[in-house]
C-alpha atoms as a PDB file:
ATOM      1  CA  MET A   1       0.000   0.000   0.000  1.00  0.00           C
ATOM      2  CA  LEU A   2       2.784   2.465   0.901  1.00  0.00           C
ATOM      3  CA  SER A   3       4.547   1.877  -2.402  1.00  0.00           C
ATOM      4  CA  ARG A   4       1.321   2.711  -4.253  1.00  0.00           C
ATOM      5  CA  ILE A   5       0.923   5.959  -2.304  1.00  0.00           C
ATOM      6  CA  LYS A   6       4.521   6.918  -3.080  1.00  0.00           C
ATOM      7  CA  ALA A   7       4.005   6.142  -6.764  1.00  0.00           C
ATOM      8  CA  ASP A   8       0.852   8.274  -6.830  1.00  0.00           C
ATOM      9  CA  ALA A   9       2.639  11.126  -5.047  1.00  0.00           C
ATOM     10  CA  VAL A  10       5.086  11.378  -7.933  1.00  0.00           C
ATOM     11  CA  LYS A  11       2.143  12.152 -10.219  1.00  0.00           C
ATOM     12  CA  VAL A  12       0.964  15.138  -8.122  1.00  0.00           C
ATOM     13  CA  PRO A  13       1.467  18.326 -10.143  1.00  0.00           C
ATOM     14  CA  LYS A  14       4.023  20.566  -8.501  1.00  0.00           C
ATOM     15  CA  THR A  15       2.076  23.830  -8.674  1.00  0.00           C
ATOM     16  CA  ILE A  16       3.386  27.017  -7.102  1.00  0.00           C
ATOM     17  CA  GLY A  17       0.895  26.613  -4.239  1.00  0.00           C
ATOM     18  CA  TYR A  18       2.137  23.097  -3.576  1.00  0.00           C
ATOM     19  CA  LYS A  19       5.755  24.265  -3.652  1.00  0.00           C
ATOM     20  CA  PHE A  20       5.084  27.093  -1.171  1.00  0.00           C
ATOM     21  CA  ARG A  21       3.268  24.797   1.250  1.00  0.00           C
ATOM     22  CA  LYS A  22       6.069  22.227   1.104  1.00  0.00           C
ATOM     23  CA  GLY A  23       8.931  24.757   1.185  1.00  0.00           C
ATOM     24  CA  LEU A  24      10.183  23.725  -2.258  1.00  0.00           C
ATOM     25  CA  THR A  25      10.090  27.126  -3.961  1.00  0.00           C
ATOM     26  CA  THR A  26      13.291  28.308  -5.688  1.00  0.00           C
ATOM     27  CA  LEU A  27      14.282  31.261  -7.855  1.00  0.00           C
ATOM     28  CA  ALA A  28      13.397  29.161 -10.899  1.00  0.00           C
ATOM     29  CA  ASP A  29       9.724  29.400  -9.859  1.00  0.00           C
ATOM     30  CA  GLU A  30       9.537  33.193 -10.111  1.00  0.00           C
ATOM     31  CA  GLU A  31       7.743  33.270 -13.446  1.00  0.00           C
ATOM     32  CA  GLU A  32       5.025  30.929 -12.182  1.00  0.00           C
ATOM     33  CA  ALA A  33       4.709  32.852  -8.910  1.00  0.00           C
ATOM     34  CA  CYS A  34       4.217  36.123 -10.765  1.00  0.00           C
ATOM     35  CA  GLN A  35       1.098  34.750 -12.445  1.00  0.00           C
ATOM     36  CA  SER A  36      -0.774  35.420  -9.169  1.00  0.00           C
ATOM     37  CA  SER A  37      -0.725  38.637  -7.145  1.00  0.00           C
ATOM     38  CA  CYS A  38      -0.575  36.851  -3.814  1.00  0.00           C
ATOM     39  CA  TYR A  39       2.084  34.347  -4.826  1.00  0.00           C
ATOM     40  CA  ALA A  40       4.164  37.192  -6.285  1.00  0.00           C
ATOM     41  CA  TYR A  41       4.047  38.883  -2.876  1.00  0.00           C
ATOM     42  CA  TYR A  42       4.889  35.645  -1.041  1.00  0.00           C
ATOM     43  CA  PHE A  43       7.737  34.989  -3.467  1.00  0.00           C
ATOM     44  CA  ALA A  44       9.303  38.435  -3.000  1.00  0.00           C
ATOM     45  CA  TYR A  45       8.910  38.146   0.766  1.00  0.00           C
ATOM     46  CA  ASP A  46      10.193  34.577   1.175  1.00  0.00           C
ATOM     47  CA  ILE A  47      12.773  33.963  -1.553  1.00  0.00           C
ATOM     48  CA  PRO A  48      16.162  35.706  -1.300  1.00  0.00           C
ATOM     49  CA  GLY A  49      17.282  37.094  -4.662  1.00  0.00           C
ATOM     50  CA  ALA A  50      13.762  37.512  -6.063  1.00  0.00           C
ATOM     51  CA  ASP A  51      13.288  40.226  -8.687  1.00  0.00           C
ATOM     52  CA  ILE A  52      11.439  42.736  -6.501  1.00  0.00           C
ATOM     53  CA  ALA A  53      10.302  44.955  -9.387  1.00  0.00           C
ATOM     54  CA  ARG A  54       8.852  42.028 -11.326  1.00  0.00           C
ATOM     55  CA  CYS A  55       7.057  40.613  -8.284  1.00  0.00           C
ATOM     56  CA  GLN A  56       5.759  44.053  -7.353  1.00  0.00           C
ATOM     57  CA  GLU A  57       4.295  44.551 -10.818  1.00  0.00           C
ATOM     58  CA  SER A  58       2.171  41.449 -10.315  1.00  0.00           C
ATOM     59  CA  ALA A  59       1.398  42.003  -6.622  1.00  0.00           C
ATOM     60  CA  CYS A  60       0.069  45.498  -7.292  1.00  0.00           C
ATOM     61  CA  LYS A  61      -2.816  44.140  -9.343  1.00  0.00           C
ATOM     62  CA  ASN A  62      -4.576  43.437  -6.031  1.00  0.00           C
ATOM     63  CA  SER A  63      -5.117  45.993  -3.232  1.00  0.00           C
ATOM     64  CA  GLU A  64      -4.455  43.558  -0.397  1.00  0.00           C
ATOM     65  CA  CYS A  65      -1.255  42.222  -1.952  1.00  0.00           C
ATOM     66  CA  ALA A  66      -0.052  45.748  -2.741  1.00  0.00           C
ATOM     67  CA  TYR A  67      -0.562  46.760   0.901  1.00  0.00           C
ATOM     68  CA  ASN A  68       1.252  43.664   2.194  1.00  0.00           C
ATOM     69  CA  PHE A  69       4.051  44.103  -0.348  1.00  0.00           C
ATOM     70  CA  ALA A  70       4.742  47.700   0.718  1.00  0.00           C
ATOM     71  CA  LYS A  71       4.531  46.793   4.392  1.00  0.00           C
ATOM     72  CA  SER A  72       6.706  43.671   4.325  1.00  0.00           C
ATOM     73  CA  VAL A  73       9.093  43.588   1.351  1.00  0.00           C
ATOM     74  CA  PRO A  74      12.309  45.592   1.659  1.00  0.00           C
ATOM     75  CA  GLY A  75      12.956  47.656  -1.455  1.00  0.00           C
ATOM     76  CA  ALA A  76       9.298  47.984  -2.446  1.00  0.00           C
ATOM     77  CA  ASP A  77       8.264  51.084  -4.400  1.00  0.00           C
ATOM     78  CA  ILE A  78       5.881  52.626  -1.849  1.00  0.00           C
ATOM     79  CA  GLU A  79       4.220  55.005  -4.328  1.00  0.00           C
ATOM     80  CA  LYS A  80       3.386  52.229  -6.775  1.00  0.00           C
ATOM     81  CA  CYS A  81       1.983  50.021  -4.011  1.00  0.00           C
ATOM     82  CA  GLN A  82      -0.011  52.906  -2.588  1.00  0.00           C
ATOM     83  CA  GLU A  83      -1.653  53.570  -5.925  1.00  0.00           C
ATOM     84  CA  ALA A  84      -2.941  49.986  -6.002  1.00  0.00           C
ATOM     85  CA  ALA A  85      -3.825  49.782  -2.301  1.00  0.00           C
ATOM     86  CA  CYS A  86      -5.877  52.994  -2.466  1.00  0.00           C
ATOM     87  CA  LYS A  87      -8.365  51.399  -4.871  1.00  0.00           C
ATOM     88  CA  ASP A  88      -9.976  49.848  -1.765  1.00  0.00           C
ATOM     89  CA  SER A  89     -10.743  52.143   1.180  1.00  0.00           C
ATOM     90  CA  ARG A  90      -9.922  49.453   3.757  1.00  0.00           C
ATOM     91  CA  TYR A  91      -6.402  48.950   2.409  1.00  0.00           C
ATOM     92  CA  ALA A  92      -5.968  52.694   1.895  1.00  0.00           C
ATOM     93  CA  TYR A  93      -6.643  53.186   5.613  1.00  0.00           C
ATOM     94  CA  TRP A  94      -4.314  50.364   6.623  1.00  0.00           C
ATOM     95  CA  PHE A  95      -1.665  51.642   4.215  1.00  0.00           C
ATOM     96  CA  ALA A  96      -1.688  55.094   5.834  1.00  0.00           C
ATOM     97  CA  ARG A  97      -1.594  53.521   9.294  1.00  0.00           C
ATOM     98  CA  ASP A  98       1.056  50.817   8.751  1.00  0.00           C
ATOM     99  CA  VAL A  99       3.402  51.750   5.898  1.00  0.00           C
ATOM    100  CA  PRO A 100       6.241  54.181   6.634  1.00  0.00           C
ATOM    101  CA  GLY A 101       6.516  56.813   3.917  1.00  0.00           C
ATOM    102  CA  ALA A 102       2.869  56.590   2.847  1.00  0.00           C
ATOM    103  CA  ASP A 103       1.225  59.713   1.454  1.00  0.00           C
ATOM    104  CA  LYS A 104      -1.474  60.035   4.105  1.00  0.00           C
ATOM    105  CA  GLU A 105      -3.394  62.674   2.171  1.00  0.00           C
ATOM    106  CA  LYS A 106      -3.741  60.363  -0.826  1.00  0.00           C
ATOM    107  CA  CYS A 107      -4.975  57.609   1.495  1.00  0.00           C
ATOM    108  CA  ARG A 108      -7.398  60.010   3.180  1.00  0.00           C
ATOM    109  CA  ASN A 109      -8.889  60.940  -0.203  1.00  0.00           C
ATOM    110  CA  ALA A 110      -9.336  57.257  -1.067  1.00  0.00           C
ATOM    111  CA  CYS A 111     -11.211  56.703   2.200  1.00  0.00           C
ATOM    112  CA  LYS A 112     -13.690  59.592   1.848  1.00  0.00           C
ATOM    113  CA  GLY A 113     -17.281  58.525   2.164  1.00  0.00           C
ATOM    114  CA  SER A 114     -16.477  55.097   3.579  1.00  0.00           C
ATOM    115  CA  ALA A 115     -16.429  53.530   7.022  1.00  0.00           C
ATOM    116  CA  TYR A 116     -12.632  53.932   6.939  1.00  0.00           C
ATOM    117  CA  ALA A 117     -12.665  57.738   6.546  1.00  0.00           C
ATOM    118  CA  PHE A 118     -10.158  59.496   8.798  1.00  0.00           C
END
């Protein structure tokens, strides 16, 4: 039975999600990681030597990932991340609160008329 399970395990597709969960991600997986905003953020955060600009381009397609990227990844372009994060008032508020160097006025304007107005 164990040999059958091992044989079947070889057939499991090694997707980027699988590789992250198992700790198997390498620099060679960057292109696949950059197909998803969240995996691009995780890749830039977790993998030394990642192309920060390339990962940021993909991560900034999603407000949550843009906020997390600016907050957690050294070398992130704060202005570019802020532009993406401010498309959602919740992340605009969090961006102003948590990210050093954020343009608070831009975040304030993005929050006008919402529950996150400040």
